[in-house]
Amino acid sequence: MKKLVEEIAKALVDLPEQVSVNEIESQQSIVVELAVAKQDLGKIIGKKGQNVQAIRTILNAASGKSKKRIILELLE
């Protein structure tokens, strides 16, 4: 999941070298923390949150086999 989020985020932002993804796994869930440059935060969120919602939808679809809930958090 970490690699998937990293690739999507790098494709959306102007400064891909500042994209940082951290994954925290527990028994029932996986928390994916995404940090980008301040000027790129709006590009990740998108208009009315459409981009971040699309990323969350892709993660939920990809998590089907793992049977764990995936939570995407944006860090400032």
PDB file of N, CA and C in Angstrom:
ATOM      1  N   MET A   1       0.821  -1.190   0.000  1.00  0.00           N
ATOM      2  CA  MET A   1       0.000   0.000   0.000  1.00  0.00           C
ATOM      3  C   MET A   1       0.868   1.257   0.000  1.00  0.00           C
ATOM      4  N   LYS A   2       1.965   1.178   0.712  1.00  0.00           N
ATOM      5  CA  LYS A   2       2.861   2.334   0.813  1.00  0.00           C
ATOM      6  C   LYS A   2       3.368   2.745  -0.570  1.00  0.00           C
ATOM      7  N   LYS A   3       3.792   1.786  -1.353  1.00  0.00           N
ATOM      8  CA  LYS A   3       4.325   2.070  -2.691  1.00  0.00           C
ATOM      9  C   LYS A   3       3.237   2.633  -3.600  1.00  0.00           C
ATOM     10  N   LEU A   4       2.025   2.114  -3.488  1.00  0.00           N
ATOM     11  CA  LEU A   4       0.908   2.586  -4.295  1.00  0.00           C
ATOM     12  C   LEU A   4       0.604   4.053  -4.015  1.00  0.00           C
ATOM     13  N   VAL A   5       0.516   4.418  -2.759  1.00  0.00           N
ATOM     14  CA  VAL A   5       0.238   5.809  -2.377  1.00  0.00           C
ATOM     15  C   VAL A   5       1.379   6.721  -2.827  1.00  0.00           C
ATOM     16  N   GLU A   6       2.603   6.249  -2.676  1.00  0.00           N
ATOM     17  CA  GLU A   6       3.765   7.052  -3.063  1.00  0.00           C
ATOM     18  C   GLU A   6       3.770   7.345  -4.564  1.00  0.00           C
ATOM     19  N   GLU A   7       3.478   6.365  -5.376  1.00  0.00           N
ATOM     20  CA  GLU A   7       3.458   6.562  -6.829  1.00  0.00           C
ATOM     21  C   GLU A   7       2.344   7.510  -7.262  1.00  0.00           C
ATOM     22  N   ILE A   8       1.172   7.369  -6.680  1.00  0.00           N
ATOM     23  CA  ILE A   8       0.051   8.252  -7.021  1.00  0.00           C
ATOM     24  C   ILE A   8       0.367   9.684  -6.612  1.00  0.00           C
ATOM     25  N   ALA A   9       0.899   9.862  -5.407  1.00  0.00           N
ATOM     26  CA  ALA A   9       1.214  11.206  -4.909  1.00  0.00           C
ATOM     27  C   ALA A   9       2.296  11.875  -5.742  1.00  0.00           C
ATOM     28  N   LYS A  10       3.326  11.135  -6.110  1.00  0.00           N
ATOM     29  CA  LYS A  10       4.409  11.706  -6.915  1.00  0.00           C
ATOM     30  C   LYS A  10       3.917  12.146  -8.284  1.00  0.00           C
ATOM     31  N   ALA A  11       2.914  11.469  -8.817  1.00  0.00           N
ATOM     32  CA  ALA A  11       2.362  11.844 -10.120  1.00  0.00           C
ATOM     33  C   ALA A  11       1.531  13.129 -10.030  1.00  0.00           C
ATOM     34  N   LEU A  12       1.013  13.457  -8.864  1.00  0.00           N
ATOM     35  CA  LEU A  12       0.137  14.616  -8.711  1.00  0.00           C
ATOM     36  C   LEU A  12       0.860  15.913  -8.347  1.00  0.00           C
ATOM     37  N   VAL A  13       2.000  15.821  -7.672  1.00  0.00           N
ATOM     38  CA  VAL A  13       2.635  17.011  -7.098  1.00  0.00           C
ATOM     39  C   VAL A  13       3.721  17.603  -7.997  1.00  0.00           C
ATOM     40  N   ASP A  14       4.114  18.848  -7.680  1.00  0.00           N
ATOM     41  CA  ASP A  14       5.196  19.522  -8.394  1.00  0.00           C
ATOM     42  C   ASP A  14       6.570  19.152  -7.842  1.00  0.00           C
ATOM     43  N   LEU A  15       6.640  18.819  -6.560  1.00  0.00           N
ATOM     44  CA  LEU A  15       7.903  18.469  -5.916  1.00  0.00           C
ATOM     45  C   LEU A  15       7.868  17.006  -5.441  1.00  0.00           C
ATOM     46  N   PRO A  16       8.044  16.047  -6.363  1.00  0.00           N
ATOM     47  CA  PRO A  16       7.926  14.634  -5.978  1.00  0.00           C
ATOM     48  C   PRO A  16       9.004  14.159  -5.014  1.00  0.00           C
ATOM     49  N   GLU A  17      10.134  14.870  -4.944  1.00  0.00           N
ATOM     50  CA  GLU A  17      11.192  14.445  -4.025  1.00  0.00           C
ATOM     51  C   GLU A  17      10.828  14.707  -2.565  1.00  0.00           C
ATOM     52  N   GLN A  18       9.801  15.518  -2.317  1.00  0.00           N
ATOM     53  CA  GLN A  18       9.377  15.807  -0.944  1.00  0.00           C
ATOM     54  C   GLN A  18       8.198  14.948  -0.494  1.00  0.00           C
ATOM     55  N   VAL A  19       7.819  13.972  -1.300  1.00  0.00           N
ATOM     56  CA  VAL A  19       6.734  13.068  -0.916  1.00  0.00           C
ATOM     57  C   VAL A  19       7.287  12.024   0.051  1.00  0.00           C
ATOM     58  N   SER A  20       6.614  11.876   1.178  1.00  0.00           N
ATOM     59  CA  SER A  20       7.028  10.916   2.194  1.00  0.00           C
ATOM     60  C   SER A  20       5.811  10.102   2.621  1.00  0.00           C
ATOM     61  N   VAL A  21       5.963   8.776   2.630  1.00  0.00           N
ATOM     62  CA  VAL A  21       4.860   7.892   3.008  1.00  0.00           C
ATOM     63  C   VAL A  21       5.339   6.975   4.127  1.00  0.00           C
ATOM     64  N   ASN A  22       4.536   6.885   5.182  1.00  0.00           N
ATOM     65  CA  ASN A  22       4.835   6.022   6.317  1.00  0.00           C
ATOM     66  C   ASN A  22       3.640   5.105   6.541  1.00  0.00           C
ATOM     67  N   GLU A  23       3.902   3.836   6.831  1.00  0.00           N
ATOM     68  CA  GLU A  23       2.826   2.866   7.012  1.00  0.00           C
ATOM     69  C   GLU A  23       2.891   2.283   8.421  1.00  0.00           C
ATOM     70  N   ILE A  24       1.772   2.344   9.124  1.00  0.00           N
ATOM     71  CA  ILE A  24       1.675   1.794  10.478  1.00  0.00           C
ATOM     72  C   ILE A  24       0.605   0.700  10.447  1.00  0.00           C
ATOM     73  N   GLU A  25       1.013  -0.503  10.790  1.00  0.00           N
ATOM     74  CA  GLU A  25       0.096  -1.641  10.690  1.00  0.00           C
ATOM     75  C   GLU A  25      -0.272  -2.167  12.073  1.00  0.00           C
ATOM     76  N   SER A  26      -1.569  -2.391  12.263  1.00  0.00           N
ATOM     77  CA  SER A  26      -2.052  -3.018  13.492  1.00  0.00           C
ATOM     78  C   SER A  26      -2.807  -4.285  13.111  1.00  0.00           C
ATOM     79  N   GLN A  27      -3.481  -4.897  14.060  1.00  0.00           N
ATOM     80  CA  GLN A  27      -4.157  -6.157  13.776  1.00  0.00           C
ATOM     81  C   GLN A  27      -5.311  -6.005  12.800  1.00  0.00           C
ATOM     82  N   GLN A  28      -6.062  -4.895  12.910  1.00  0.00           N
ATOM     83  CA  GLN A  28      -7.260  -4.756  12.090  1.00  0.00           C
ATOM     84  C   GLN A  28      -7.195  -3.638  11.067  1.00  0.00           C
ATOM     85  N   SER A  29      -6.137  -2.840  11.094  1.00  0.00           N
ATOM     86  CA  SER A  29      -6.085  -1.719  10.162  1.00  0.00           C
ATOM     87  C   SER A  29      -4.651  -1.383   9.774  1.00  0.00           C
ATOM     88  N   ILE A  30      -4.543  -0.626   8.701  1.00  0.00           N
ATOM     89  CA  ILE A  30      -3.269  -0.101   8.238  1.00  0.00           C
ATOM     90  C   ILE A  30      -3.459   1.404   8.080  1.00  0.00           C
ATOM     91  N   VAL A  31      -2.618   2.186   8.752  1.00  0.00           N
ATOM     92  CA  VAL A  31      -2.665   3.639   8.632  1.00  0.00           C
ATOM     93  C   VAL A  31      -1.532   4.062   7.710  1.00  0.00           C
ATOM     94  N   VAL A  32      -1.879   4.747   6.629  1.00  0.00           N
ATOM     95  CA  VAL A  32      -0.886   5.244   5.681  1.00  0.00           C
ATOM     96  C   VAL A  32      -0.818   6.757   5.848  1.00  0.00           C
ATOM     97  N   GLU A  33       0.348   7.248   6.270  1.00  0.00           N
ATOM     98  CA  GLU A  33       0.541   8.680   6.476  1.00  0.00           C
ATOM     99  C   GLU A  33       1.273   9.251   5.262  1.00  0.00           C
ATOM    100  N   LEU A  34       0.678  10.274   4.664  1.00  0.00           N
ATOM    101  CA  LEU A  34       1.246  10.904   3.472  1.00  0.00           C
ATOM    102  C   LEU A  34       1.626  12.339   3.800  1.00  0.00           C
ATOM    103  N   ALA A  35       2.888  12.676   3.566  1.00  0.00           N
ATOM    104  CA  ALA A  35       3.369  14.040   3.789  1.00  0.00           C
ATOM    105  C   ALA A  35       3.919  14.574   2.473  1.00  0.00           C
ATOM    106  N   VAL A  36       3.499  15.787   2.109  1.00  0.00           N
ATOM    107  CA  VAL A  36       3.981  16.446   0.895  1.00  0.00           C
ATOM    108  C   VAL A  36       4.370  17.876   1.244  1.00  0.00           C
ATOM    109  N   ALA A  37       4.975  18.572   0.290  1.00  0.00           N
ATOM    110  CA  ALA A  37       5.327  19.974   0.495  1.00  0.00           C
ATOM    111  C   ALA A  37       4.048  20.790   0.683  1.00  0.00           C
ATOM    112  N   LYS A  38       4.155  21.896   1.439  1.00  0.00           N
ATOM    113  CA  LYS A  38       2.963  22.709   1.726  1.00  0.00           C
ATOM    114  C   LYS A  38       2.261  23.190   0.467  1.00  0.00           C
ATOM    115  N   GLN A  39       3.026  23.591  -0.566  1.00  0.00           N
ATOM    116  CA  GLN A  39       2.392  24.104  -1.774  1.00  0.00           C
ATOM    117  C   GLN A  39       1.729  22.999  -2.599  1.00  0.00           C
ATOM    118  N   ASP A  40       2.041  21.745  -2.320  1.00  0.00           N
ATOM    119  CA  ASP A  40       1.437  20.634  -3.049  1.00  0.00           C
ATOM    120  C   ASP A  40       0.248  20.010  -2.323  1.00  0.00           C
ATOM    121  N   LEU A  41      -0.015  20.438  -1.109  1.00  0.00           N
ATOM    122  CA  LEU A  41      -1.107  19.851  -0.331  1.00  0.00           C
ATOM    123  C   LEU A  41      -2.451  20.017  -1.035  1.00  0.00           C
ATOM    124  N   GLY A  42      -2.681  21.162  -1.643  1.00  0.00           N
ATOM    125  CA  GLY A  42      -3.927  21.397  -2.369  1.00  0.00           C
ATOM    126  C   GLY A  42      -4.095  20.490  -3.569  1.00  0.00           C
ATOM    127  N   LYS A  43      -3.001  20.120  -4.206  1.00  0.00           N
ATOM    128  CA  LYS A  43      -3.076  19.217  -5.358  1.00  0.00           C
ATOM    129  C   LYS A  43      -3.445  17.806  -4.934  1.00  0.00           C
ATOM    130  N   ILE A  44      -2.984  17.398  -3.759  1.00  0.00           N
ATOM    131  CA  ILE A  44      -3.339  16.071  -3.256  1.00  0.00           C
ATOM    132  C   ILE A  44      -4.811  16.046  -2.845  1.00  0.00           C
ATOM    133  N   ILE A  45      -5.273  17.114  -2.214  1.00  0.00           N
ATOM    134  CA  ILE A  45      -6.669  17.165  -1.770  1.00  0.00           C
ATOM    135  C   ILE A  45      -7.605  17.315  -2.963  1.00  0.00           C
ATOM    136  N   GLY A  46      -7.294  18.210  -3.889  1.00  0.00           N
ATOM    137  CA  GLY A  46      -8.133  18.417  -5.071  1.00  0.00           C
ATOM    138  C   GLY A  46      -9.360  19.256  -4.760  1.00  0.00           C
ATOM    139  N   LYS A  47     -10.128  19.567  -5.785  1.00  0.00           N
ATOM    140  CA  LYS A  47     -11.343  20.351  -5.606  1.00  0.00           C
ATOM    141  C   LYS A  47     -12.363  19.545  -4.816  1.00  0.00           C
ATOM    142  N   LYS A  48     -12.818  20.131  -3.732  1.00  0.00           N
ATOM    143  CA  LYS A  48     -13.803  19.508  -2.842  1.00  0.00           C
ATOM    144  C   LYS A  48     -13.357  18.125  -2.353  1.00  0.00           C
ATOM    145  N   GLY A  49     -12.044  17.902  -2.297  1.00  0.00           N
ATOM    146  CA  GLY A  49     -11.518  16.636  -1.790  1.00  0.00           C
ATOM    147  C   GLY A  49     -11.608  15.477  -2.756  1.00  0.00           C
ATOM    148  N   GLN A  50     -11.782  15.754  -4.035  1.00  0.00           N
ATOM    149  CA  GLN A  50     -11.958  14.678  -5.011  1.00  0.00           C
ATOM    150  C   GLN A  50     -10.714  13.807  -5.172  1.00  0.00           C
ATOM    151  N   ASN A  51      -9.528  14.407  -5.199  1.00  0.00           N
ATOM    152  CA  ASN A  51      -8.305  13.618  -5.391  1.00  0.00           C
ATOM    153  C   ASN A  51      -8.041  12.696  -4.206  1.00  0.00           C
ATOM    154  N   VAL A  52      -8.119  13.227  -3.001  1.00  0.00           N
ATOM    155  CA  VAL A  52      -7.850  12.402  -1.825  1.00  0.00           C
ATOM    156  C   VAL A  52      -8.915  11.319  -1.678  1.00  0.00           C
ATOM    157  N   GLN A  53     -10.141  11.614  -2.036  1.00  0.00           N
ATOM    158  CA  GLN A  53     -11.196  10.602  -1.974  1.00  0.00           C
ATOM    159  C   GLN A  53     -10.950   9.494  -2.997  1.00  0.00           C
ATOM    160  N   ALA A  54     -10.453   9.865  -4.169  1.00  0.00           N
ATOM    161  CA  ALA A  54     -10.133   8.864  -5.189  1.00  0.00           C
ATOM    162  C   ALA A  54      -8.988   7.963  -4.721  1.00  0.00           C
ATOM    163  N   ILE A  55      -7.984   8.539  -4.079  1.00  0.00           N
ATOM    164  CA  ILE A  55      -6.875   7.736  -3.548  1.00  0.00           C
ATOM    165  C   ILE A  55      -7.392   6.771  -2.484  1.00  0.00           C
ATOM    166  N   ARG A  56      -8.277   7.240  -1.623  1.00  0.00           N
ATOM    167  CA  ARG A  56      -8.850   6.373  -0.580  1.00  0.00           C
ATOM    168  C   ARG A  56      -9.671   5.238  -1.201  1.00  0.00           C
ATOM    169  N   THR A  57     -10.406   5.533  -2.273  1.00  0.00           N
ATOM    170  CA  THR A  57     -11.189   4.501  -2.959  1.00  0.00           C
ATOM    171  C   THR A  57     -10.278   3.434  -3.553  1.00  0.00           C
ATOM    172  N   ILE A  58      -9.175   3.856  -4.169  1.00  0.00           N
ATOM    173  CA  ILE A  58      -8.211   2.903  -4.740  1.00  0.00           C
ATOM    174  C   ILE A  58      -7.611   2.030  -3.640  1.00  0.00           C
ATOM    175  N   LEU A  59      -7.273   2.636  -2.501  1.00  0.00           N
ATOM    176  CA  LEU A  59      -6.715   1.869  -1.386  1.00  0.00           C
ATOM    177  C   LEU A  59      -7.709   0.852  -0.847  1.00  0.00           C
ATOM    178  N   ASN A  60      -8.965   1.251  -0.731  1.00  0.00           N
ATOM    179  CA  ASN A  60      -9.982   0.312  -0.247  1.00  0.00           C
ATOM    180  C   ASN A  60     -10.165  -0.847  -1.212  1.00  0.00           C
ATOM    181  N   ALA A  61     -10.105  -0.573  -2.508  1.00  0.00           N
ATOM    182  CA  ALA A  61     -10.234  -1.646  -3.494  1.00  0.00           C
ATOM    183  C   ALA A  61      -9.013  -2.568  -3.440  1.00  0.00           C
ATOM    184  N   ALA A  62      -7.843  -2.004  -3.233  1.00  0.00           N
ATOM    185  CA  ALA A  62      -6.619  -2.799  -3.195  1.00  0.00           C
ATOM    186  C   ALA A  62      -6.487  -3.601  -1.909  1.00  0.00           C
ATOM    187  N   SER A  63      -7.208  -3.225  -0.876  1.00  0.00           N
ATOM    188  CA  SER A  63      -7.085  -3.902   0.413  1.00  0.00           C
ATOM    189  C   SER A  63      -8.008  -5.108   0.548  1.00  0.00           C
ATOM    190  N   GLY A  64      -8.701  -5.462  -0.484  1.00  0.00           N
ATOM    191  CA  GLY A  64      -9.669  -6.548  -0.416  1.00  0.00           C
ATOM    192  C   GLY A  64      -9.097  -7.858   0.085  1.00  0.00           C
ATOM    193  N   LYS A  65      -7.920  -8.225  -0.363  1.00  0.00           N
ATOM    194  CA  LYS A  65      -7.327  -9.502   0.033  1.00  0.00           C
ATOM    195  C   LYS A  65      -6.771  -9.487   1.452  1.00  0.00           C
ATOM    196  N   SER A  66      -6.341  -8.340   1.920  1.00  0.00           N
ATOM    197  CA  SER A  66      -5.709  -8.283   3.236  1.00  0.00           C
ATOM    198  C   SER A  66      -6.713  -8.296   4.388  1.00  0.00           C
ATOM    199  N   LYS A  67      -7.977  -8.027   4.104  1.00  0.00           N
ATOM    200  CA  LYS A  67      -9.042  -8.021   5.123  1.00  0.00           C
ATOM    201  C   LYS A  67      -8.791  -7.000   6.232  1.00  0.00           C
ATOM    202  N   LYS A  68      -8.002  -5.965   5.930  1.00  0.00           N
ATOM    203  CA  LYS A  68      -7.733  -4.913   6.904  1.00  0.00           C
ATOM    204  C   LYS A  68      -8.263  -3.597   6.370  1.00  0.00           C
ATOM    205  N   ARG A  69      -8.680  -2.749   7.284  1.00  0.00           N
ATOM    206  CA  ARG A  69      -9.160  -1.422   6.916  1.00  0.00           C
ATOM    207  C   ARG A  69      -7.960  -0.515   6.682  1.00  0.00           C
ATOM    208  N   ILE A  70      -7.995   0.263   5.618  1.00  0.00           N
ATOM    209  CA  ILE A  70      -6.889   1.162   5.308  1.00  0.00           C
ATOM    210  C   ILE A  70      -7.341   2.597   5.526  1.00  0.00           C
ATOM    211  N   ILE A  71      -6.539   3.344   6.289  1.00  0.00           N
ATOM    212  CA  ILE A  71      -6.837   4.740   6.607  1.00  0.00           C
ATOM    213  C   ILE A  71      -5.714   5.593   6.033  1.00  0.00           C
ATOM    214  N   LEU A  72      -6.081   6.567   5.211  1.00  0.00           N
ATOM    215  CA  LEU A  72      -5.101   7.494   4.636  1.00  0.00           C
ATOM    216  C   LEU A  72      -5.160   8.799   5.415  1.00  0.00           C
ATOM    217  N   GLU A  73      -4.019   9.207   5.962  1.00  0.00           N
ATOM    218  CA  GLU A  73      -3.931  10.473   6.692  1.00  0.00           C
ATOM    219  C   GLU A  73      -2.967  11.386   5.978  1.00  0.00           C
ATOM    220  N   LEU A  74      -3.374  12.650   5.803  1.00  0.00           N
ATOM    221  CA  LEU A  74      -2.501  13.651   5.218  1.00  0.00           C
ATOM    222  C   LEU A  74      -1.831  14.427   6.337  1.00  0.00           C
ATOM    223  N   LEU A  75      -0.525  14.498   6.292  1.00  0.00           N
ATOM    224  CA  LEU A  75       0.238  15.234   7.299  1.00  0.00           C
ATOM    225  C   LEU A  75       0.678  16.572   6.733  1.00  0.00           C
ATOM    226  N   GLU A  76       0.635  17.588   7.578  1.00  0.00           N
ATOM    227  CA  GLU A  76       1.063  18.919   7.139  1.00  0.00           C
ATOM    228  C   GLU A  76       2.488  19.171   7.535  1.00  0.00           C
TER     229      GLU A  76
END
